[in-house]
């Protein structure tokens, strides 16, 4: 497996909301901010050996945070909601 695919997919998003989406054959991943849908699709297919039907992406804006007198922003993120072919699953456990 090529390491460039591992750089595109950072981590699965494991939250209650993402868990509800998983029941429909969709999975949520945090991906590289510069990755496009085609790169995400190829990476998921190569890493998990599944067939991807659809990829939807969303940019998560940075939030303001303050530590003492210093204020700044968190890092921006990008999430991908991946729909798999019916009957296929990804084990995130």
C-alpha atoms as a PDB file:
ATOM      1  CA  UNK A   1       0.000   0.000   0.000  1.00  0.00           C
ATOM      2  CA  UNK A   2       1.249   3.454  -0.868  1.00  0.00           C
ATOM      3  CA  UNK A   3       1.920   5.866   2.010  1.00  0.00           C
ATOM      4  CA  UNK A   4       0.314   8.774   0.148  1.00  0.00           C
ATOM      5  CA  UNK A   5      -3.096   7.184   0.803  1.00  0.00           C
ATOM      6  CA  UNK A   6      -2.393   7.166   4.540  1.00  0.00           C
ATOM      7  CA  UNK A   7      -1.640  10.896   4.397  1.00  0.00           C
ATOM      8  CA  UNK A   8      -5.048  11.662   2.848  1.00  0.00           C
ATOM      9  CA  UNK A   9      -7.114   9.862   5.519  1.00  0.00           C
ATOM     10  CA  UNK A  10      -6.184  11.142   8.979  1.00  0.00           C
ATOM     11  CA  UNK A  11      -8.662   9.380  11.297  1.00  0.00           C
ATOM     12  CA  UNK A  12     -12.214   8.098  11.544  1.00  0.00           C
ATOM     13  CA  UNK A  13     -14.666  10.402  13.294  1.00  0.00           C
ATOM     14  CA  UNK A  14     -16.154   8.444  16.187  1.00  0.00           C
ATOM     15  CA  UNK A  15     -19.010  10.460  17.664  1.00  0.00           C
ATOM     16  CA  UNK A  16     -22.640   9.762  18.443  1.00  0.00           C
ATOM     17  CA  UNK A  17     -23.763  11.583  15.307  1.00  0.00           C
ATOM     18  CA  UNK A  18     -21.262   9.709  13.131  1.00  0.00           C
ATOM     19  CA  UNK A  19     -22.441   6.461  14.731  1.00  0.00           C
ATOM     20  CA  UNK A  20     -26.002   7.163  13.636  1.00  0.00           C
ATOM     21  CA  UNK A  21     -24.792   7.772  10.077  1.00  0.00           C
ATOM     22  CA  UNK A  22     -22.856   4.451  10.116  1.00  0.00           C
ATOM     23  CA  UNK A  23     -26.121   2.514  10.267  1.00  0.00           C
ATOM     24  CA  UNK A  24     -26.902   3.655   6.712  1.00  0.00           C
ATOM     25  CA  UNK A  25     -23.621   2.346   5.258  1.00  0.00           C
ATOM     26  CA  UNK A  26     -21.941   5.737   5.508  1.00  0.00           C
ATOM     27  CA  UNK A  27     -18.701   6.462   7.345  1.00  0.00           C
ATOM     28  CA  UNK A  28     -17.166   9.747   8.471  1.00  0.00           C
ATOM     29  CA  UNK A  29     -13.416  10.416   8.248  1.00  0.00           C
ATOM     30  CA  UNK A  30     -11.208  13.383   8.996  1.00  0.00           C
ATOM     31  CA  UNK A  31      -9.148  13.986   5.876  1.00  0.00           C
ATOM     32  CA  UNK A  32      -6.359  16.258   4.685  1.00  0.00           C
ATOM     33  CA  UNK A  33      -7.576  19.814   4.055  1.00  0.00           C
ATOM     34  CA  UNK A  34      -6.094  19.812   0.540  1.00  0.00           C
ATOM     35  CA  UNK A  35      -7.559  16.420  -0.491  1.00  0.00           C
ATOM     36  CA  UNK A  36     -10.272  16.314  -3.134  1.00  0.00           C
ATOM     37  CA  UNK A  37     -13.102  13.796  -3.506  1.00  0.00           C
ATOM     38  CA  UNK A  38     -11.265  11.643  -6.039  1.00  0.00           C
ATOM     39  CA  UNK A  39      -8.207  11.308  -3.802  1.00  0.00           C
ATOM     40  CA  UNK A  40     -10.403  10.468  -0.807  1.00  0.00           C
ATOM     41  CA  UNK A  41     -12.265   7.799  -2.784  1.00  0.00           C
ATOM     42  CA  UNK A  42      -9.041   6.155  -3.979  1.00  0.00           C
ATOM     43  CA  UNK A  43      -7.537   6.224  -0.479  1.00  0.00           C
ATOM     44  CA  UNK A  44     -10.591   4.603   1.169  1.00  0.00           C
ATOM     45  CA  UNK A  45     -10.765   1.924  -1.530  1.00  0.00           C
ATOM     46  CA  UNK A  46      -7.047   1.070  -1.242  1.00  0.00           C
ATOM     47  CA  UNK A  47      -6.815   1.161   2.573  1.00  0.00           C
ATOM     48  CA  UNK A  48     -10.043  -0.683   3.467  1.00  0.00           C
ATOM     49  CA  UNK A  49     -10.551  -2.702   0.221  1.00  0.00           C
ATOM     50  CA  UNK A  50     -14.173  -1.600  -0.279  1.00  0.00           C
ATOM     51  CA  UNK A  51     -16.127   0.006  -3.133  1.00  0.00           C
ATOM     52  CA  UNK A  52     -17.003   3.674  -2.606  1.00  0.00           C
ATOM     53  CA  UNK A  53     -20.177   4.962  -4.270  1.00  0.00           C
ATOM     54  CA  UNK A  54     -20.208   8.573  -3.070  1.00  0.00           C
ATOM     55  CA  UNK A  55     -18.002  11.043  -1.205  1.00  0.00           C
ATOM     56  CA  UNK A  56     -19.331  14.218   0.396  1.00  0.00           C
ATOM     57  CA  UNK A  57     -16.963  16.676   2.011  1.00  0.00           C
ATOM     58  CA  UNK A  58     -17.329  19.550   4.431  1.00  0.00           C
ATOM     59  CA  UNK A  59     -14.874  22.103   5.728  1.00  0.00           C
ATOM     60  CA  UNK A  60     -14.898  22.677   9.478  1.00  0.00           C
ATOM     61  CA  UNK A  61     -14.005  26.267  10.297  1.00  0.00           C
ATOM     62  CA  UNK A  62     -11.551  27.025  13.106  1.00  0.00           C
ATOM     63  CA  UNK A  63     -12.950  28.017  16.506  1.00  0.00           C
ATOM     64  CA  UNK A  64     -11.712  30.871  18.681  1.00  0.00           C
ATOM     65  CA  UNK A  65      -9.908  29.678  21.797  1.00  0.00           C
ATOM     66  CA  UNK A  66      -8.247  31.572  24.610  1.00  0.00           C
ATOM     67  CA  UNK A  67      -5.553  30.518  27.066  1.00  0.00           C
ATOM     68  CA  UNK A  68      -5.040  33.247  29.667  1.00  0.00           C
ATOM     69  CA  UNK A  69      -4.439  36.500  27.839  1.00  0.00           C
ATOM     70  CA  UNK A  70      -3.526  34.794  24.566  1.00  0.00           C
ATOM     71  CA  UNK A  71      -6.250  34.169  22.019  1.00  0.00           C
ATOM     72  CA  UNK A  72      -6.063  32.267  18.778  1.00  0.00           C
ATOM     73  CA  UNK A  73      -7.813  29.814  16.535  1.00  0.00           C
ATOM     74  CA  UNK A  74      -7.911  26.028  16.393  1.00  0.00           C
ATOM     75  CA  UNK A  75      -6.754  24.333  13.210  1.00  0.00           C
ATOM     76  CA  UNK A  76      -9.216  24.042  10.355  1.00  0.00           C
ATOM     77  CA  UNK A  77     -10.344  20.545   9.411  1.00  0.00           C
ATOM     78  CA  UNK A  78     -12.040  18.719   6.578  1.00  0.00           C
ATOM     79  CA  UNK A  79     -14.443  15.819   6.989  1.00  0.00           C
ATOM     80  CA  UNK A  80     -15.553  13.307   4.386  1.00  0.00           C
ATOM     81  CA  UNK A  81     -18.777  11.288   4.512  1.00  0.00           C
ATOM     82  CA  UNK A  82     -18.186   8.149   2.463  1.00  0.00           C
ATOM     83  CA  UNK A  83     -21.017   5.940   1.161  1.00  0.00           C
ATOM     84  CA  UNK A  84     -20.062   2.319   0.499  1.00  0.00           C
ATOM     85  CA  UNK A  85     -21.571  -0.237  -1.849  1.00  0.00           C
ATOM     86  CA  UNK A  86     -24.490  -2.040  -0.230  1.00  0.00           C
ATOM     87  CA  UNK A  87     -23.448  -4.934   1.975  1.00  0.00           C
ATOM     88  CA  UNK A  88     -19.889  -3.671   2.600  1.00  0.00           C
ATOM     89  CA  UNK A  89     -18.649  -2.433   5.965  1.00  0.00           C
ATOM     90  CA  UNK A  90     -15.543  -0.945   7.534  1.00  0.00           C
ATOM     91  CA  UNK A  91     -14.474  -2.119  11.000  1.00  0.00           C
ATOM     92  CA  UNK A  92     -13.461   1.002  12.923  1.00  0.00           C
ATOM     93  CA  UNK A  93     -13.077  -0.788  16.254  1.00  0.00           C
END
